[in-house]
Amino acid sequence: MNFDYPVGATPLDPDELDGLRLPHISTRAELDRWEQDNITAGEAWAFSRKRKDILGDAFMCRLHKRMFGNVWRWAGLHRNSDKNIGGPWW
């Protein structure tokens, strides 16, 4: 799998790519499409009812899993690599 990244995009490292649940994806456009569909489903879940503590860690992890869990195994988990711009990732 060889993705062409747009300017400013953060490339995925090999460890992150190992977490891809969909081995048939071979282009960035395919990945973007699958992620967008998953994000739409996560958004529907998030706005389906009032939720408590939406700024809490547990909710954020659940939301991330809902938004990316069909595409990535690591969805909903805390990051363990530095992807932040302008500050430390931890």
N, C-alpha and C. Protein backbone atom coordinates (compact mmCIF):
# COMPACT_ATOMS: atom_id res chain seq x y z
N MET A 1 0.85 -1.17 0.00
CA MET A 1 0.00 0.00 0.00
C MET A 1 0.90 1.24 0.00
N ASN A 2 0.68 2.08 -0.94
CA ASN A 2 1.48 3.29 -1.05
C ASN A 2 0.55 4.47 -1.23
N PHE A 3 0.42 5.27 -0.19
CA PHE A 3 -0.49 6.42 -0.24
C PHE A 3 0.25 7.66 -0.72
N ASP A 4 -0.40 8.42 -1.55
CA ASP A 4 0.07 9.76 -1.90
C ASP A 4 -0.62 10.72 -0.95
N TYR A 5 0.15 11.40 -0.13
CA TYR A 5 -0.41 12.29 0.87
C TYR A 5 -0.51 13.71 0.34
N PRO A 6 -1.65 14.36 0.55
CA PRO A 6 -1.75 15.76 0.16
C PRO A 6 -0.84 16.63 1.03
N VAL A 7 -0.54 17.81 0.56
CA VAL A 7 0.31 18.73 1.31
C VAL A 7 -0.31 18.98 2.68
N GLY A 8 0.50 18.85 3.73
CA GLY A 8 0.03 19.09 5.08
C GLY A 8 -0.55 17.88 5.78
N ALA A 9 -0.75 16.79 5.04
CA ALA A 9 -1.32 15.58 5.65
C ALA A 9 -0.25 14.87 6.47
N THR A 10 -0.68 14.24 7.55
CA THR A 10 0.24 13.47 8.39
C THR A 10 0.31 12.04 7.87
N PRO A 11 1.48 11.60 7.43
CA PRO A 11 1.59 10.23 6.92
C PRO A 11 1.38 9.20 8.02
N LEU A 12 0.86 8.06 7.64
CA LEU A 12 0.67 6.95 8.57
C LEU A 12 1.95 6.12 8.59
N ASP A 13 2.38 5.75 9.80
CA ASP A 13 3.57 4.92 9.88
C ASP A 13 3.17 3.45 9.75
N PRO A 14 4.13 2.56 9.51
CA PRO A 14 3.81 1.14 9.30
C PRO A 14 3.04 0.49 10.45
N ASP A 15 3.34 0.88 11.69
CA ASP A 15 2.61 0.32 12.83
C ASP A 15 1.14 0.71 12.79
N GLU A 16 0.86 1.94 12.41
CA GLU A 16 -0.53 2.38 12.30
C GLU A 16 -1.23 1.66 11.16
N LEU A 17 -0.56 1.48 10.05
CA LEU A 17 -1.16 0.79 8.91
C LEU A 17 -1.48 -0.67 9.23
N ASP A 18 -0.72 -1.27 10.15
CA ASP A 18 -1.03 -2.63 10.59
C ASP A 18 -2.40 -2.72 11.24
N GLY A 19 -2.90 -1.59 11.74
CA GLY A 19 -4.21 -1.57 12.39
C GLY A 19 -5.37 -1.40 11.43
N LEU A 20 -5.12 -1.36 10.14
CA LEU A 20 -6.19 -1.19 9.16
C LEU A 20 -7.02 -2.47 9.10
N ARG A 21 -8.31 -2.35 9.31
CA ARG A 21 -9.21 -3.50 9.30
C ARG A 21 -9.60 -3.94 7.88
N LEU A 22 -9.34 -3.12 6.89
CA LEU A 22 -9.82 -3.36 5.53
C LEU A 22 -8.63 -3.55 4.59
N PRO A 23 -8.17 -4.79 4.44
CA PRO A 23 -6.95 -5.02 3.66
C PRO A 23 -7.10 -4.72 2.17
N HIS A 24 -8.33 -4.57 1.69
CA HIS A 24 -8.53 -4.29 0.26
C HIS A 24 -8.26 -2.83 -0.11
N ILE A 25 -8.12 -1.96 0.89
CA ILE A 25 -7.86 -0.54 0.61
C ILE A 25 -6.44 -0.39 0.09
N SER A 26 -6.31 0.29 -1.05
CA SER A 26 -4.98 0.45 -1.63
C SER A 26 -4.64 1.90 -1.98
N THR A 27 -5.60 2.81 -1.86
CA THR A 27 -5.33 4.22 -2.18
C THR A 27 -5.82 5.11 -1.05
N ARG A 28 -5.29 6.32 -1.02
CA ARG A 28 -5.73 7.30 -0.03
C ARG A 28 -7.20 7.66 -0.23
N ALA A 29 -7.64 7.73 -1.49
CA ALA A 29 -9.05 8.05 -1.77
C ALA A 29 -9.98 6.99 -1.20
N GLU A 30 -9.61 5.71 -1.32
CA GLU A 30 -10.43 4.64 -0.74
C GLU A 30 -10.47 4.75 0.78
N LEU A 31 -9.31 5.00 1.38
CA LEU A 31 -9.25 5.16 2.83
C LEU A 31 -10.11 6.33 3.28
N ASP A 32 -9.99 7.45 2.58
CA ASP A 32 -10.78 8.63 2.93
C ASP A 32 -12.27 8.34 2.86
N ARG A 33 -12.69 7.60 1.85
CA ARG A 33 -14.12 7.28 1.68
C ARG A 33 -14.63 6.40 2.82
N TRP A 34 -13.87 5.37 3.16
CA TRP A 34 -14.27 4.49 4.27
C TRP A 34 -14.29 5.25 5.59
N GLU A 35 -13.29 6.09 5.81
CA GLU A 35 -13.28 6.88 7.04
C GLU A 35 -14.47 7.83 7.07
N GLN A 36 -14.79 8.47 5.96
CA GLN A 36 -15.90 9.42 5.95
C GLN A 36 -17.22 8.72 6.27
N ASP A 37 -17.44 7.55 5.71
CA ASP A 37 -18.65 6.80 6.03
C ASP A 37 -18.72 6.46 7.51
N ASN A 38 -17.58 6.06 8.08
CA ASN A 38 -17.53 5.73 9.50
C ASN A 38 -17.73 6.97 10.37
N ILE A 39 -17.16 8.11 9.95
CA ILE A 39 -17.34 9.36 10.68
C ILE A 39 -18.80 9.77 10.69
N THR A 40 -19.47 9.61 9.56
CA THR A 40 -20.90 9.94 9.47
C THR A 40 -21.71 9.09 10.44
N ALA A 41 -21.39 7.81 10.54
CA ALA A 41 -22.08 6.94 11.49
C ALA A 41 -21.80 7.36 12.93
N GLY A 42 -20.56 7.72 13.22
CA GLY A 42 -20.20 8.19 14.56
C GLY A 42 -20.91 9.48 14.92
N GLU A 43 -21.03 10.36 13.94
CA GLU A 43 -21.73 11.62 14.17
C GLU A 43 -23.21 11.36 14.47
N ALA A 44 -23.82 10.45 13.73
CA ALA A 44 -25.22 10.12 13.99
C ALA A 44 -25.39 9.56 15.40
N TRP A 45 -24.47 8.70 15.82
CA TRP A 45 -24.52 8.17 17.18
C TRP A 45 -24.38 9.29 18.21
N ALA A 46 -23.42 10.19 18.01
CA ALA A 46 -23.16 11.25 18.98
C ALA A 46 -24.34 12.19 19.15
N PHE A 47 -25.05 12.47 18.07
CA PHE A 47 -26.16 13.41 18.12
C PHE A 47 -27.52 12.75 18.28
N SER A 48 -27.54 11.43 18.47
CA SER A 48 -28.81 10.72 18.57
C SER A 48 -29.54 10.99 19.89
N ARG A 49 -28.83 11.41 20.91
CA ARG A 49 -29.44 11.76 22.19
C ARG A 49 -28.48 12.62 22.98
N LYS A 50 -28.98 13.23 24.03
CA LYS A 50 -28.10 14.03 24.90
C LYS A 50 -27.13 13.10 25.60
N ARG A 51 -25.92 13.56 25.68
CA ARG A 51 -24.88 12.76 26.32
C ARG A 51 -24.25 13.57 27.45
N LYS A 52 -23.83 12.87 28.48
CA LYS A 52 -23.21 13.51 29.63
C LYS A 52 -21.70 13.47 29.48
N ASP A 53 -21.06 14.44 30.07
CA ASP A 53 -19.60 14.49 30.15
C ASP A 53 -18.94 14.35 28.77
N ILE A 54 -19.41 15.14 27.81
CA ILE A 54 -18.88 15.03 26.45
C ILE A 54 -17.44 15.49 26.32
N LEU A 55 -16.93 16.16 27.34
CA LEU A 55 -15.53 16.56 27.30
C LEU A 55 -14.63 15.61 28.08
N GLY A 56 -15.21 14.56 28.62
CA GLY A 56 -14.44 13.59 29.40
C GLY A 56 -13.69 12.61 28.51
N ASP A 57 -12.66 12.03 29.08
CA ASP A 57 -11.81 11.08 28.37
C ASP A 57 -12.60 9.87 27.87
N ALA A 58 -13.45 9.31 28.70
CA ALA A 58 -14.20 8.11 28.32
C ALA A 58 -15.11 8.37 27.11
N PHE A 59 -15.80 9.51 27.12
CA PHE A 59 -16.67 9.84 25.99
C PHE A 59 -15.84 10.04 24.72
N MET A 60 -14.73 10.75 24.84
CA MET A 60 -13.89 11.00 23.66
C MET A 60 -13.40 9.69 23.05
N CYS A 61 -13.00 8.76 23.88
CA CYS A 61 -12.55 7.46 23.37
C CYS A 61 -13.69 6.71 22.69
N ARG A 62 -14.88 6.73 23.30
CA ARG A 62 -16.04 6.07 22.67
C ARG A 62 -16.38 6.71 21.34
N LEU A 63 -16.37 8.03 21.30
CA LEU A 63 -16.68 8.74 20.06
C LEU A 63 -15.65 8.41 18.98
N HIS A 64 -14.39 8.40 19.33
CA HIS A 64 -13.34 8.07 18.36
C HIS A 64 -13.53 6.65 17.83
N LYS A 65 -13.89 5.72 18.72
CA LYS A 65 -14.14 4.34 18.29
C LYS A 65 -15.34 4.28 17.34
N ARG A 66 -16.38 5.03 17.63
CA ARG A 66 -17.56 5.08 16.76
C ARG A 66 -17.22 5.70 15.41
N MET A 67 -16.31 6.66 15.41
CA MET A 67 -15.98 7.37 14.17
C MET A 67 -14.96 6.64 13.30
N PHE A 68 -14.14 5.78 13.90
CA PHE A 68 -13.08 5.13 13.13
C PHE A 68 -12.96 3.63 13.36
N GLY A 69 -13.79 3.05 14.22
CA GLY A 69 -13.66 1.65 14.60
C GLY A 69 -13.92 0.64 13.50
N ASN A 70 -14.65 1.01 12.47
CA ASN A 70 -14.87 0.08 11.35
C ASN A 70 -13.67 0.05 10.41
N VAL A 71 -12.78 1.01 10.54
CA VAL A 71 -11.63 1.13 9.64
C VAL A 71 -10.32 0.77 10.35
N TRP A 72 -10.17 1.19 11.62
CA TRP A 72 -8.91 1.03 12.35
C TRP A 72 -9.09 0.23 13.63
N ARG A 73 -8.22 -0.73 13.89
CA ARG A 73 -8.25 -1.50 15.14
C ARG A 73 -7.92 -0.62 16.34
N TRP A 74 -7.10 0.39 16.14
CA TRP A 74 -6.66 1.23 17.25
C TRP A 74 -7.63 2.37 17.56
N ALA A 75 -8.75 2.42 16.88
CA ALA A 75 -9.74 3.48 17.14
C ALA A 75 -10.22 3.41 18.59
N GLY A 76 -10.29 4.56 19.23
CA GLY A 76 -10.76 4.64 20.61
C GLY A 76 -9.66 4.49 21.64
N LEU A 77 -8.45 4.23 21.19
CA LEU A 77 -7.32 4.11 22.10
C LEU A 77 -6.49 5.38 22.07
N HIS A 78 -5.75 5.60 23.13
CA HIS A 78 -4.87 6.76 23.16
C HIS A 78 -3.69 6.55 22.23
N ARG A 79 -3.28 7.60 21.60
CA ARG A 79 -2.17 7.57 20.65
C ARG A 79 -0.88 7.22 21.37
N ASN A 80 -0.01 6.48 20.69
CA ASN A 80 1.29 6.17 21.28
C ASN A 80 2.44 6.59 20.36
N SER A 81 2.15 7.53 19.46
CA SER A 81 3.20 8.10 18.62
C SER A 81 2.93 9.59 18.45
N ASP A 82 3.98 10.32 18.13
CA ASP A 82 3.88 11.77 18.05
C ASP A 82 3.38 12.21 16.68
N LYS A 83 2.16 12.74 16.63
CA LYS A 83 1.58 13.27 15.40
C LYS A 83 1.19 14.73 15.55
N ASN A 84 1.35 15.28 16.73
CA ASN A 84 0.94 16.67 16.98
C ASN A 84 1.88 17.66 16.32
N ILE A 85 1.33 18.78 15.92
CA ILE A 85 2.11 19.88 15.38
C ILE A 85 2.13 20.98 16.43
N GLY A 86 3.29 21.38 16.86
CA GLY A 86 3.39 22.51 17.77
C GLY A 86 3.42 22.17 19.25
N GLY A 87 3.32 20.90 19.59
CA GLY A 87 3.35 20.54 21.00
C GLY A 87 3.58 19.05 21.16
N PRO A 88 3.98 18.62 22.34
CA PRO A 88 4.22 17.20 22.56
C PRO A 88 2.92 16.40 22.53
N TRP A 89 2.96 15.19 22.05
CA TRP A 89 1.77 14.37 21.87
C TRP A 89 1.16 13.86 23.16
N TRP A 90 1.93 13.74 24.21
CA TRP A 90 1.39 13.19 25.45
C TRP A 90 0.56 14.21 26.15
